[in-house]
Amino acid sequence: MKKILTAAALAATLPQAASALPLVDFYAGAYYWDQGVTGEVGGGSTQADLEDDLNLDGGGQNVTYFAFEHPIPVIPNVKMKQTSMESDGVGNLTVDFELAGSTVSTQNDVATTLDLSHTDYTLYWGLPLPIVTLDFGLTARQFDGEMEVLDNSSNELAQSDLDFVIPMGYLKVGADIPLTGLSFAGEMNTLSIGDTSLTDFDVNMTYVLPLIPLLDVGITAGFRSFDADIDEDEIVTKATISGPYLGLSLHL
């Protein structure tokens, strides 16, 4: 009889115990980003056009991310995102330009690689609003790339190392459309320090497929644009890498 009473008491308290547990959310996703490259590079009085002179083409690149959210107000949520951003091309120069102290001459065929691949580590907080999402925080963006320009005639190489970490502000806004499975969102990272500014934003729409209970599987379509205005000793460039993307998202 004691065992029955004990079991009944435990059964009665389980819903309360479950409701008292903190709710956590896990997000993960990946998308294929079709990147186009525009802008210019070069110190001094002349610059080379990334598209017309260097013929850079980003093509399709992969982006993956995951995030962990919890309801404890003072502790930030965590998100990590890895973005491949490598462009290459072979072009014929119409102007001289400088890269990392080296001069790349005109009328020569050059093979160029611009790698701005990076990993974002974001700590953020969200306001507890119904239907609407409003997140804000800070991102440490770790670049692991370079720019190389190889003169095919002389085999001379101009190279700039793009391996550094920068802090950026983070903001995300979104809204769910009730009973439709549709949601819309916009996300931005930005920084402006001295002669260097970076802005990275995307807007997207997600449709959650009614497939698996307790696991939201979504199809996401969007547009992302990365704008860089960098004026440093190693490299002076104004570049925009942008284009549409399509991917999958998971929410548990």
Protein backbone atom coordinates (compact mmCIF):
# COMPACT_ATOMS: atom_id res chain seq x y z
CA MET A 1 0.00 0.00 0.00
CA LYS A 2 2.88 2.37 0.82
CA LYS A 3 4.38 1.71 -2.59
CA ILE A 4 1.09 2.54 -4.31
CA LEU A 5 0.69 5.76 -2.31
CA THR A 6 4.30 6.72 -3.04
CA ALA A 7 3.88 6.06 -6.77
CA ALA A 8 0.67 8.08 -6.82
CA ALA A 9 2.37 10.97 -5.03
CA LEU A 10 5.29 10.91 -7.51
CA ALA A 11 2.92 10.82 -10.48
CA ALA A 12 1.04 13.81 -9.11
CA THR A 13 4.22 15.84 -8.71
CA LEU A 14 5.78 14.98 -12.10
CA PRO A 15 3.83 17.61 -14.10
CA GLN A 16 4.82 20.27 -11.59
CA ALA A 17 8.45 19.15 -11.65
CA ALA A 18 8.47 19.13 -15.46
CA SER A 19 6.97 22.60 -15.63
CA ALA A 20 9.55 23.86 -13.15
CA LEU A 21 12.46 22.69 -15.31
CA PRO A 22 14.09 25.47 -17.32
CA LEU A 23 13.15 25.32 -21.01
CA VAL A 24 16.04 25.25 -23.44
CA ASP A 25 16.08 25.54 -27.22
CA PHE A 26 18.63 24.20 -29.67
CA TYR A 27 18.92 25.65 -33.17
CA ALA A 28 21.07 24.44 -36.06
CA GLY A 29 21.16 25.03 -39.76
CA ALA A 30 23.11 25.31 -42.98
CA TYR A 31 22.63 27.14 -46.23
CA TYR A 32 24.15 27.51 -49.67
CA TRP A 33 25.05 31.13 -50.44
CA ASP A 34 25.48 32.25 -54.05
CA GLN A 35 28.03 35.05 -53.67
CA GLY A 36 28.76 37.90 -56.07
CA VAL A 37 31.75 40.23 -55.55
CA THR A 38 31.97 43.96 -56.28
CA GLY A 39 34.31 46.72 -55.11
CA GLU A 40 37.92 47.74 -55.41
CA VAL A 41 41.31 47.14 -53.82
CA GLY A 42 44.58 49.05 -53.67
CA GLY A 43 46.43 51.74 -51.79
CA GLY A 44 47.81 54.93 -53.25
CA SER A 45 46.05 56.89 -55.99
CA THR A 46 44.69 53.96 -58.05
CA GLN A 47 42.62 50.91 -57.28
CA ALA A 48 41.79 47.71 -59.14
CA ASP A 49 38.17 46.76 -59.65
CA LEU A 50 37.48 43.39 -58.03
CA GLU A 51 34.94 42.43 -60.68
CA ASP A 52 36.19 44.05 -63.91
CA ASP A 53 39.99 43.97 -63.42
CA LEU A 54 40.51 40.94 -61.21
CA ASN A 55 37.44 39.00 -62.40
CA LEU A 56 36.65 37.72 -58.91
CA ASP A 57 33.72 35.35 -58.53
CA GLY A 58 32.61 33.95 -55.18
CA GLY A 59 30.15 31.38 -56.52
CA GLY A 60 28.44 29.01 -54.12
CA GLN A 61 29.70 28.93 -50.52
CA ASN A 62 28.54 27.08 -47.41
CA VAL A 63 27.36 28.57 -44.11
CA THR A 64 26.63 26.53 -40.96
CA TYR A 65 25.44 27.61 -37.52
CA PHE A 66 24.04 26.44 -34.22
CA ALA A 67 22.62 28.23 -31.17
CA PHE A 68 21.61 27.42 -27.61
CA GLU A 69 18.96 29.46 -25.77
CA HIS A 70 17.76 29.28 -22.16
CA PRO A 71 15.40 31.32 -19.95
CA ILE A 72 17.94 32.63 -17.38
CA PRO A 73 17.93 36.43 -17.95
CA VAL A 74 21.42 37.36 -16.79
CA ILE A 75 23.24 34.60 -18.68
CA PRO A 76 23.59 35.18 -22.43
CA ASN A 77 22.51 32.75 -25.10
CA VAL A 78 25.22 31.36 -27.37
CA LYS A 79 25.47 31.18 -31.15
CA MET A 80 28.30 30.08 -33.43
CA LYS A 81 28.31 30.53 -37.22
CA GLN A 82 30.95 29.57 -39.78
CA THR A 83 30.97 31.29 -43.18
CA SER A 84 33.04 30.32 -46.20
CA MET A 85 33.81 33.40 -48.28
CA GLU A 86 36.50 32.62 -50.84
CA SER A 87 36.59 34.29 -54.26
CA ASP A 88 39.07 33.75 -57.07
CA GLY A 89 39.60 34.76 -60.67
CA VAL A 90 42.05 35.52 -63.46
CA GLY A 91 42.00 38.99 -64.99
CA ASN A 92 43.99 41.52 -66.98
CA LEU A 93 44.83 44.72 -65.10
CA THR A 94 44.19 48.18 -66.49
CA VAL A 95 45.76 50.04 -63.52
CA ASP A 96 48.64 49.62 -61.08
CA PHE A 97 47.68 49.03 -57.48
CA GLU A 98 49.40 48.33 -54.17
CA LEU A 99 48.85 45.35 -51.89
CA ALA A 100 50.84 44.85 -48.67
CA GLY A 101 53.67 47.12 -49.88
CA SER A 102 53.97 45.45 -53.30
CA THR A 103 52.94 47.04 -56.61
CA VAL A 104 50.97 44.93 -59.05
CA SER A 105 51.56 46.24 -62.61
CA THR A 106 49.18 46.88 -65.48
CA GLN A 107 48.78 44.90 -68.71
CA ASN A 108 49.61 41.64 -66.94
CA ASP A 109 47.40 38.63 -66.38
CA VAL A 110 47.02 38.02 -62.67
CA ALA A 111 45.44 35.22 -60.66
CA THR A 112 43.73 36.53 -57.52
CA THR A 113 42.32 34.90 -54.40
CA LEU A 114 40.35 36.84 -51.79
CA ASP A 115 39.48 34.81 -48.71
CA LEU A 116 37.32 36.49 -46.06
CA SER A 117 36.12 33.27 -44.42
CA HIS A 118 35.30 33.69 -40.75
CA THR A 119 33.71 32.21 -37.65
CA ASP A 120 31.31 34.17 -35.43
CA TYR A 121 31.06 33.61 -31.67
CA THR A 122 27.99 35.48 -30.43
CA LEU A 123 26.66 36.09 -26.92
CA TYR A 124 23.16 37.56 -26.96
CA TRP A 125 20.03 38.23 -24.96
CA GLY A 126 16.42 38.13 -26.10
CA LEU A 127 13.35 40.00 -24.90
CA PRO A 128 10.44 37.71 -23.85
CA LEU A 129 7.92 38.91 -26.45
CA PRO A 130 5.08 36.86 -27.96
CA ILE A 131 5.28 36.16 -31.71
CA VAL A 132 8.07 38.77 -32.13
CA THR A 133 11.80 38.01 -31.78
CA LEU A 134 14.19 40.73 -30.61
CA ASP A 135 17.76 39.63 -29.82
CA PHE A 136 20.83 41.79 -29.16
CA GLY A 137 24.40 41.12 -28.11
CA LEU A 138 28.06 41.04 -29.12
CA THR A 139 29.94 38.98 -31.70
CA ALA A 140 33.63 38.11 -31.86
CA ARG A 141 34.32 37.53 -35.55
CA GLN A 142 37.48 35.54 -36.26
CA PHE A 143 38.78 35.93 -39.80
CA ASP A 144 41.08 33.25 -41.17
CA GLY A 145 41.91 34.34 -44.69
CA GLU A 146 44.18 36.22 -47.04
CA MET A 147 44.41 38.03 -50.35
CA GLU A 148 46.91 36.88 -52.97
CA VAL A 149 47.64 38.34 -56.39
CA LEU A 150 49.99 36.30 -58.61
CA ASP A 151 51.50 37.86 -61.74
CA ASN A 152 51.36 35.03 -64.27
CA SER A 153 54.13 36.61 -66.38
CA SER A 154 56.78 37.14 -63.70
CA ASN A 155 55.43 34.76 -61.02
CA GLU A 156 55.69 37.60 -58.52
CA LEU A 157 53.29 37.26 -55.60
CA ALA A 158 51.67 40.05 -53.58
CA GLN A 159 50.05 38.75 -50.42
CA SER A 160 48.11 40.18 -47.48
CA ASP A 161 47.30 38.17 -44.38
CA LEU A 162 43.71 38.55 -43.17
CA ASP A 163 43.91 36.67 -39.88
CA PHE A 164 42.42 38.71 -37.04
CA VAL A 165 39.51 38.95 -34.57
CA ILE A 166 37.15 41.92 -34.36
CA PRO A 167 34.21 42.70 -32.04
CA MET A 168 30.85 43.49 -33.65
CA GLY A 169 27.40 44.46 -32.44
CA TYR A 170 24.66 41.90 -33.02
CA LEU A 171 20.93 42.46 -33.62
CA LYS A 172 18.15 40.17 -34.78
CA VAL A 173 14.46 40.93 -35.29
CA GLY A 174 11.79 38.55 -36.49
CA ALA A 175 8.14 37.58 -36.41
CA ASP A 176 6.16 34.34 -36.60
CA ILE A 177 2.91 34.25 -38.53
CA PRO A 178 0.52 32.19 -36.34
CA LEU A 179 -0.93 28.94 -37.75
CA THR A 180 1.02 29.19 -41.03
CA GLY A 181 4.48 27.79 -40.25
CA LEU A 182 5.96 30.96 -41.76
CA SER A 183 8.41 33.31 -40.08
CA PHE A 184 10.40 36.32 -41.22
CA ALA A 185 13.68 37.59 -39.76
CA GLY A 186 16.49 40.04 -40.24
CA GLU A 187 19.96 39.77 -38.66
CA MET A 188 22.89 42.19 -38.59
CA ASN A 189 26.46 42.40 -37.34
CA THR A 190 28.22 45.75 -37.59
CA LEU A 191 31.43 47.55 -36.61
CA SER A 192 32.93 50.96 -37.26
CA ILE A 193 36.39 51.82 -35.89
CA GLY A 194 38.56 54.55 -37.40
CA ASP A 195 38.95 53.97 -41.15
CA THR A 196 37.52 50.45 -41.01
CA SER A 197 33.85 49.53 -41.07
CA LEU A 198 32.08 46.21 -41.58
CA THR A 199 28.36 45.54 -41.99
CA ASP A 200 26.92 42.07 -42.47
CA PHE A 201 23.16 41.66 -42.73
CA ASP A 202 20.64 39.17 -44.04
CA VAL A 203 16.88 38.96 -44.40
CA ASN A 204 15.09 35.65 -44.71
CA MET A 205 11.84 33.71 -44.70
CA THR A 206 11.42 30.24 -43.14
CA TYR A 207 8.66 27.69 -43.61
CA VAL A 208 8.48 24.93 -40.99
CA LEU A 209 7.48 21.57 -42.46
CA PRO A 210 4.79 19.67 -40.49
CA LEU A 211 6.81 16.46 -40.40
CA ILE A 212 8.26 15.53 -37.01
CA PRO A 213 6.68 16.22 -33.59
CA LEU A 214 8.94 18.16 -31.18
CA LEU A 215 11.43 18.91 -34.00
CA ASP A 216 10.88 21.88 -36.31
CA VAL A 217 12.44 21.31 -39.73
CA GLY A 218 12.39 24.44 -41.85
CA ILE A 219 13.28 25.55 -45.35
CA THR A 220 14.91 28.99 -45.35
CA ALA A 221 15.38 31.37 -48.27
CA GLY A 222 17.07 34.73 -47.90
CA PHE A 223 19.52 37.38 -49.06
CA ARG A 224 22.79 38.24 -47.33
CA SER A 225 25.17 41.14 -47.92
CA PHE A 226 28.66 41.63 -46.44
CA ASP A 227 30.14 45.13 -46.85
CA ALA A 228 33.78 45.79 -45.91
CA ASP A 229 35.62 49.12 -45.96
CA ILE A 230 39.14 48.34 -44.74
CA ASP A 231 42.03 50.82 -44.66
CA GLU A 232 45.02 49.13 -43.05
CA ASP A 233 48.74 48.84 -43.74
CA GLU A 234 48.32 45.37 -45.25
CA ILE A 235 45.25 46.02 -47.38
CA VAL A 236 43.01 48.87 -48.53
CA THR A 237 39.72 47.67 -49.98
CA LYS A 238 36.05 48.43 -50.36
CA ALA A 239 34.20 45.23 -51.12
CA THR A 240 30.64 43.95 -51.14
CA ILE A 241 29.94 40.23 -51.19
CA SER A 242 26.24 39.51 -51.52
CA GLY A 243 23.64 37.20 -52.97
CA PRO A 244 20.69 34.91 -52.28
CA TYR A 245 20.83 31.74 -50.21
CA LEU A 246 18.78 28.61 -49.58
CA GLY A 247 19.07 26.15 -46.71
CA LEU A 248 17.60 24.03 -43.95
CA SER A 249 17.05 24.85 -40.26
CA LEU A 250 16.36 22.68 -37.21
CA HIS A 251 14.80 23.68 -33.89
CA LEU A 252 14.47 21.35 -30.92
